[in-house]
Amino acid sequence: MKYIQTEDILKYGEIKGFSPVIDPMSGTLEWNNGENVGKYVYATPNWEQEGQCPVSIYHEDGEYQDVAVLKFTDMSKTEQKEYYLNVVSDVIETILEKR
């Protein structure tokens, strides 16, 4: 595989108390902390297009906030992992600051 996959992300472990899990209904990759903070991060590699990863914040009131679309073209898998984890970490930090 040329690009990181959902299965790769599940192995990375938690970020600031948020862990990656597969949403059983949609198959998307969700980051949550198991608490009722009312917000989750969705960041599923190759969800809409191979080599890209949309990143969104989901609010429990049903609202989605698109944050970014990561593009992994011309990156090694190591670079993709670092890029992905840095962006998800920044988004989680934003969620925690706004609590």
N, C-alpha and C. Protein backbone atom coordinates (compact mmCIF):
# COMPACT_ATOMS: atom_id res chain seq x y z
N MET A 1 0.83 -1.19 0.00
CA MET A 1 0.00 0.00 0.00
C MET A 1 0.88 1.26 0.00
N LYS A 2 0.47 2.18 -0.81
CA LYS A 2 1.23 3.41 -0.97
C LYS A 2 0.93 4.43 0.13
N TYR A 3 -0.29 4.37 0.66
CA TYR A 3 -0.73 5.35 1.65
C TYR A 3 -1.08 4.66 2.97
N ILE A 4 -1.00 5.44 4.07
CA ILE A 4 -1.42 4.88 5.35
C ILE A 4 -2.89 4.49 5.28
N GLN A 5 -3.24 3.48 6.04
CA GLN A 5 -4.59 2.94 6.04
C GLN A 5 -5.19 3.06 7.44
N THR A 6 -6.48 2.88 7.52
CA THR A 6 -7.18 2.92 8.80
C THR A 6 -6.55 1.95 9.80
N GLU A 7 -6.19 0.78 9.32
CA GLU A 7 -5.59 -0.23 10.20
C GLU A 7 -4.28 0.27 10.80
N ASP A 8 -3.53 1.06 10.03
CA ASP A 8 -2.28 1.64 10.54
C ASP A 8 -2.57 2.60 11.70
N ILE A 9 -3.59 3.42 11.53
CA ILE A 9 -3.93 4.43 12.52
C ILE A 9 -4.33 3.77 13.85
N LEU A 10 -5.07 2.68 13.77
CA LEU A 10 -5.51 2.00 14.99
C LEU A 10 -4.34 1.54 15.85
N LYS A 11 -3.18 1.33 15.24
CA LYS A 11 -1.99 0.88 15.97
C LYS A 11 -1.24 2.03 16.65
N TYR A 12 -1.55 3.27 16.31
CA TYR A 12 -0.78 4.41 16.81
C TYR A 12 -1.05 4.70 18.28
N GLY A 13 -2.17 4.26 18.81
CA GLY A 13 -2.48 4.53 20.21
C GLY A 13 -3.15 5.87 20.41
N GLU A 14 -3.21 6.30 21.64
CA GLU A 14 -3.97 7.51 21.95
C GLU A 14 -3.15 8.79 21.80
N ILE A 15 -3.89 9.87 21.63
CA ILE A 15 -3.32 11.22 21.57
C ILE A 15 -4.08 12.06 22.58
N LYS A 16 -3.39 12.54 23.60
CA LYS A 16 -3.98 13.42 24.61
C LYS A 16 -5.28 12.84 25.18
N GLY A 17 -5.29 11.52 25.40
CA GLY A 17 -6.46 10.87 25.98
C GLY A 17 -7.51 10.43 24.98
N PHE A 18 -7.35 10.78 23.72
CA PHE A 18 -8.29 10.38 22.67
C PHE A 18 -7.73 9.14 21.96
N SER A 19 -8.58 8.15 21.75
CA SER A 19 -8.16 6.91 21.10
C SER A 19 -8.90 6.74 19.78
N PRO A 20 -8.24 6.11 18.80
CA PRO A 20 -8.90 5.87 17.52
C PRO A 20 -9.77 4.61 17.59
N VAL A 21 -10.99 4.72 17.10
CA VAL A 21 -11.90 3.58 17.01
C VAL A 21 -12.65 3.65 15.68
N ILE A 22 -13.05 2.50 15.20
CA ILE A 22 -13.85 2.45 13.99
C ILE A 22 -15.32 2.60 14.38
N ASP A 23 -16.01 3.56 13.78
CA ASP A 23 -17.44 3.72 14.00
C ASP A 23 -18.14 2.53 13.33
N PRO A 24 -18.86 1.70 14.10
CA PRO A 24 -19.44 0.49 13.53
C PRO A 24 -20.54 0.76 12.50
N MET A 25 -21.17 1.91 12.56
CA MET A 25 -22.25 2.23 11.63
C MET A 25 -21.71 2.70 10.28
N SER A 26 -20.73 3.60 10.32
CA SER A 26 -20.26 4.23 9.08
C SER A 26 -18.93 3.68 8.57
N GLY A 27 -18.15 3.08 9.46
CA GLY A 27 -16.83 2.61 9.08
C GLY A 27 -15.76 3.68 9.12
N THR A 28 -16.13 4.88 9.59
CA THR A 28 -15.16 5.96 9.67
C THR A 28 -14.27 5.79 10.90
N LEU A 29 -13.14 6.45 10.87
CA LEU A 29 -12.21 6.43 11.99
C LEU A 29 -12.51 7.63 12.87
N GLU A 30 -12.88 7.35 14.10
CA GLU A 30 -13.27 8.39 15.06
C GLU A 30 -12.26 8.42 16.20
N TRP A 31 -11.89 9.62 16.60
CA TRP A 31 -11.05 9.79 17.78
C TRP A 31 -11.94 10.34 18.88
N ASN A 32 -12.01 9.63 20.02
CA ASN A 32 -12.78 10.14 21.15
C ASN A 32 -12.06 9.76 22.44
N ASN A 33 -12.45 10.41 23.52
CA ASN A 33 -11.77 10.14 24.79
C ASN A 33 -12.64 9.37 25.76
N GLY A 34 -13.77 8.86 25.29
CA GLY A 34 -14.63 8.06 26.14
C GLY A 34 -15.43 8.87 27.14
N GLU A 35 -15.20 10.17 27.17
CA GLU A 35 -15.96 11.06 28.03
C GLU A 35 -17.00 11.77 27.19
N ASN A 36 -17.91 12.38 27.83
CA ASN A 36 -18.94 13.11 27.11
C ASN A 36 -18.51 14.56 26.91
N VAL A 37 -17.54 14.78 26.02
CA VAL A 37 -17.11 16.15 25.73
C VAL A 37 -17.96 16.77 24.63
N GLY A 38 -18.77 15.95 23.98
CA GLY A 38 -19.68 16.45 22.95
C GLY A 38 -19.04 16.67 21.60
N LYS A 39 -17.77 16.32 21.46
CA LYS A 39 -17.08 16.51 20.18
C LYS A 39 -16.17 15.33 19.92
N TYR A 40 -16.08 14.95 18.65
CA TYR A 40 -15.23 13.85 18.22
C TYR A 40 -14.49 14.29 16.96
N VAL A 41 -13.35 13.70 16.71
CA VAL A 41 -12.59 13.99 15.50
C VAL A 41 -12.76 12.80 14.55
N TYR A 42 -13.15 13.09 13.33
CA TYR A 42 -13.20 12.08 12.28
C TYR A 42 -12.04 12.34 11.33
N ALA A 43 -11.20 11.33 11.13
CA ALA A 43 -10.03 11.47 10.26
C ALA A 43 -9.72 10.09 9.66
N THR A 44 -10.39 9.77 8.57
CA THR A 44 -10.27 8.45 7.96
C THR A 44 -9.45 8.52 6.68
N PRO A 45 -8.24 7.96 6.68
CA PRO A 45 -7.42 7.98 5.47
C PRO A 45 -8.15 7.33 4.29
N ASN A 46 -8.02 7.93 3.12
CA ASN A 46 -8.56 7.40 1.87
C ASN A 46 -10.09 7.30 1.88
N TRP A 47 -10.76 8.11 2.68
CA TRP A 47 -12.21 8.02 2.82
C TRP A 47 -12.93 8.39 1.52
N GLU A 48 -12.63 9.55 0.98
CA GLU A 48 -13.30 9.99 -0.24
C GLU A 48 -12.40 9.84 -1.47
N GLN A 49 -11.11 9.86 -1.24
CA GLN A 49 -10.16 9.76 -2.35
C GLN A 49 -8.86 9.15 -1.84
N GLU A 50 -8.32 8.25 -2.63
CA GLU A 50 -7.04 7.60 -2.29
C GLU A 50 -5.95 8.66 -2.11
N GLY A 51 -5.20 8.55 -1.03
CA GLY A 51 -4.10 9.48 -0.77
C GLY A 51 -4.51 10.76 -0.08
N GLN A 52 -5.78 10.84 0.35
CA GLN A 52 -6.25 12.02 1.06
C GLN A 52 -7.00 11.60 2.32
N CYS A 53 -7.08 12.52 3.27
CA CYS A 53 -7.76 12.23 4.53
C CYS A 53 -8.52 13.47 4.99
N PRO A 54 -9.86 13.46 4.87
CA PRO A 54 -10.62 14.58 5.41
C PRO A 54 -10.61 14.54 6.94
N VAL A 55 -10.48 15.70 7.55
CA VAL A 55 -10.48 15.80 9.01
C VAL A 55 -11.63 16.73 9.40
N SER A 56 -12.51 16.22 10.27
CA SER A 56 -13.67 16.99 10.70
C SER A 56 -13.89 16.82 12.18
N ILE A 57 -14.53 17.81 12.77
CA ILE A 57 -14.97 17.71 14.15
C ILE A 57 -16.48 17.50 14.10
N TYR A 58 -16.93 16.48 14.82
CA TYR A 58 -18.36 16.20 14.91
C TYR A 58 -18.85 16.67 16.27
N HIS A 59 -19.91 17.46 16.26
CA HIS A 59 -20.53 17.94 17.49
C HIS A 59 -21.76 17.09 17.74
N GLU A 60 -22.03 16.73 18.97
CA GLU A 60 -23.15 15.84 19.27
C GLU A 60 -24.51 16.40 18.85
N ASP A 61 -24.57 17.69 18.57
CA ASP A 61 -25.84 18.25 18.09
C ASP A 61 -26.05 17.97 16.60
N GLY A 62 -25.12 17.21 16.00
CA GLY A 62 -25.27 16.81 14.60
C GLY A 62 -24.49 17.66 13.62
N GLU A 63 -23.81 18.68 14.11
CA GLU A 63 -23.06 19.59 13.23
C GLU A 63 -21.66 19.04 12.98
N TYR A 64 -21.21 19.17 11.73
CA TYR A 64 -19.83 18.81 11.36
C TYR A 64 -19.08 20.08 11.03
N GLN A 65 -17.85 20.13 11.44
CA GLN A 65 -16.98 21.26 11.11
C GLN A 65 -15.77 20.69 10.37
N ASP A 66 -15.71 20.93 9.07
CA ASP A 66 -14.56 20.47 8.29
C ASP A 66 -13.34 21.28 8.68
N VAL A 67 -12.25 20.59 8.95
CA VAL A 67 -11.04 21.25 9.42
C VAL A 67 -9.99 21.30 8.32
N ALA A 68 -9.77 20.15 7.66
CA ALA A 68 -8.70 20.08 6.66
C ALA A 68 -8.89 18.83 5.81
N VAL A 69 -8.20 18.81 4.69
CA VAL A 69 -8.05 17.59 3.89
C VAL A 69 -6.55 17.37 3.75
N LEU A 70 -6.07 16.31 4.39
CA LEU A 70 -4.65 15.99 4.32
C LEU A 70 -4.35 15.31 3.00
N LYS A 71 -3.27 15.72 2.37
CA LYS A 71 -2.86 15.12 1.09
C LYS A 71 -1.50 14.46 1.27
N PHE A 72 -1.45 13.16 1.00
CA PHE A 72 -0.26 12.37 1.25
C PHE A 72 0.60 12.12 0.01
N THR A 73 0.29 12.74 -1.09
CA THR A 73 1.04 12.53 -2.32
C THR A 73 2.51 12.87 -2.12
N ASP A 74 3.39 12.05 -2.67
CA ASP A 74 4.84 12.25 -2.61
C ASP A 74 5.42 12.23 -1.20
N MET A 75 4.73 11.56 -0.27
CA MET A 75 5.24 11.42 1.10
C MET A 75 5.48 9.94 1.38
N SER A 76 6.52 9.66 2.15
CA SER A 76 6.74 8.29 2.60
C SER A 76 5.66 7.97 3.64
N LYS A 77 5.51 6.69 3.95
CA LYS A 77 4.52 6.32 4.97
C LYS A 77 4.87 6.92 6.33
N THR A 78 6.16 7.03 6.62
CA THR A 78 6.59 7.65 7.87
C THR A 78 6.19 9.12 7.91
N GLU A 79 6.40 9.83 6.81
CA GLU A 79 6.00 11.24 6.72
C GLU A 79 4.48 11.38 6.82
N GLN A 80 3.75 10.47 6.18
CA GLN A 80 2.29 10.50 6.26
C GLN A 80 1.82 10.33 7.70
N LYS A 81 2.42 9.39 8.41
CA LYS A 81 2.06 9.13 9.81
C LYS A 81 2.31 10.37 10.66
N GLU A 82 3.49 10.97 10.51
CA GLU A 82 3.82 12.16 11.30
C GLU A 82 2.86 13.31 10.99
N TYR A 83 2.59 13.53 9.73
CA TYR A 83 1.67 14.58 9.30
C TYR A 83 0.28 14.34 9.88
N TYR A 84 -0.23 13.14 9.73
CA TYR A 84 -1.54 12.78 10.24
C TYR A 84 -1.61 13.00 11.75
N LEU A 85 -0.65 12.46 12.48
CA LEU A 85 -0.67 12.56 13.94
C LEU A 85 -0.53 14.00 14.41
N ASN A 86 0.27 14.81 13.74
CA ASN A 86 0.42 16.22 14.11
C ASN A 86 -0.89 16.97 13.93
N VAL A 87 -1.57 16.76 12.81
CA VAL A 87 -2.83 17.47 12.56
C VAL A 87 -3.91 17.02 13.54
N VAL A 88 -4.06 15.71 13.72
CA VAL A 88 -5.07 15.21 14.65
C VAL A 88 -4.78 15.71 16.07
N SER A 89 -3.52 15.73 16.47
CA SER A 89 -3.14 16.24 17.78
C SER A 89 -3.53 17.71 17.94
N ASP A 90 -3.29 18.51 16.92
CA ASP A 90 -3.66 19.93 16.97
C ASP A 90 -5.17 20.11 17.09
N VAL A 91 -5.94 19.30 16.35
CA VAL A 91 -7.40 19.39 16.40
C VAL A 91 -7.90 18.98 17.79
N ILE A 92 -7.35 17.92 18.34
CA ILE A 92 -7.74 17.48 19.68
C ILE A 92 -7.41 18.56 20.71
N GLU A 93 -6.25 19.18 20.59
CA GLU A 93 -5.86 20.26 21.49
C GLU A 93 -6.88 21.40 21.43
N THR A 94 -7.34 21.72 20.24
CA THR A 94 -8.36 22.78 20.08
C THR A 94 -9.65 22.40 20.80
N ILE A 95 -10.07 21.14 20.66
CA ILE A 95 -11.27 20.67 21.33
C ILE A 95 -11.12 20.79 22.85
N LEU A 96 -9.98 20.38 23.37
CA LEU A 96 -9.76 20.41 24.81
C LEU A 96 -9.70 21.84 25.35
N GLU A 97 -9.14 22.75 24.56
CA GLU A 97 -9.06 24.15 24.99
C GLU A 97 -10.42 24.79 25.08
N LYS A 98 -11.36 24.37 24.23
CA LYS A 98 -12.67 25.00 24.17
C LYS A 98 -13.67 24.39 25.14
N ARG A 99 -13.22 23.43 25.95
CA ARG A 99 -14.16 22.83 26.92
C ARG A 99 -14.48 23.77 28.02
